[in-house]
């Protein structure tokens, strides 16, 4: 029973890691393609697309070659940050604009939709383990604080 559960857990972790890698790589590839196809000529925006592509692809590569025990928090947090940053930029470019640059709807098509789906996938896959890590840290600190205050009375 324990061996089967461990194997299933390992398979699930590997599957989630590969899905995160694929989603990061997809988002990075979309940003790289848009950069090459003309966004590089848009003041400030071009550089942001290049940085987004480089960061996404680098994090995907690092997650792919990181130790098999699990995704290190030192890679999960930046990966989630890159995905969240892309979504914030996407939203801003369709509302207030970014450095005077605005777009409408899901244009350019299909890249806008592919990028949004990739970034949402990264966040959906990384949010649960990140929240568990954060709440475990908070719980441990709360227990220590409670123990200290109990002994000081």
Foldseek 3Di string as FASTA:
>chain_A
DVVVVVVVVLVVQVVLLLLLLVLLQQLLVLLVVVLVVPLVPPPPRSVVSPVLNVQSNVLSVCSVPPDSPHRDPVSLVVSLVSLVVVVVQLVCQDPVRDPPHHDHDQPPPPSSVSNNVSSVSSCVSSVVVVVVVVVVVVVVVVVVVVVVVVVVD
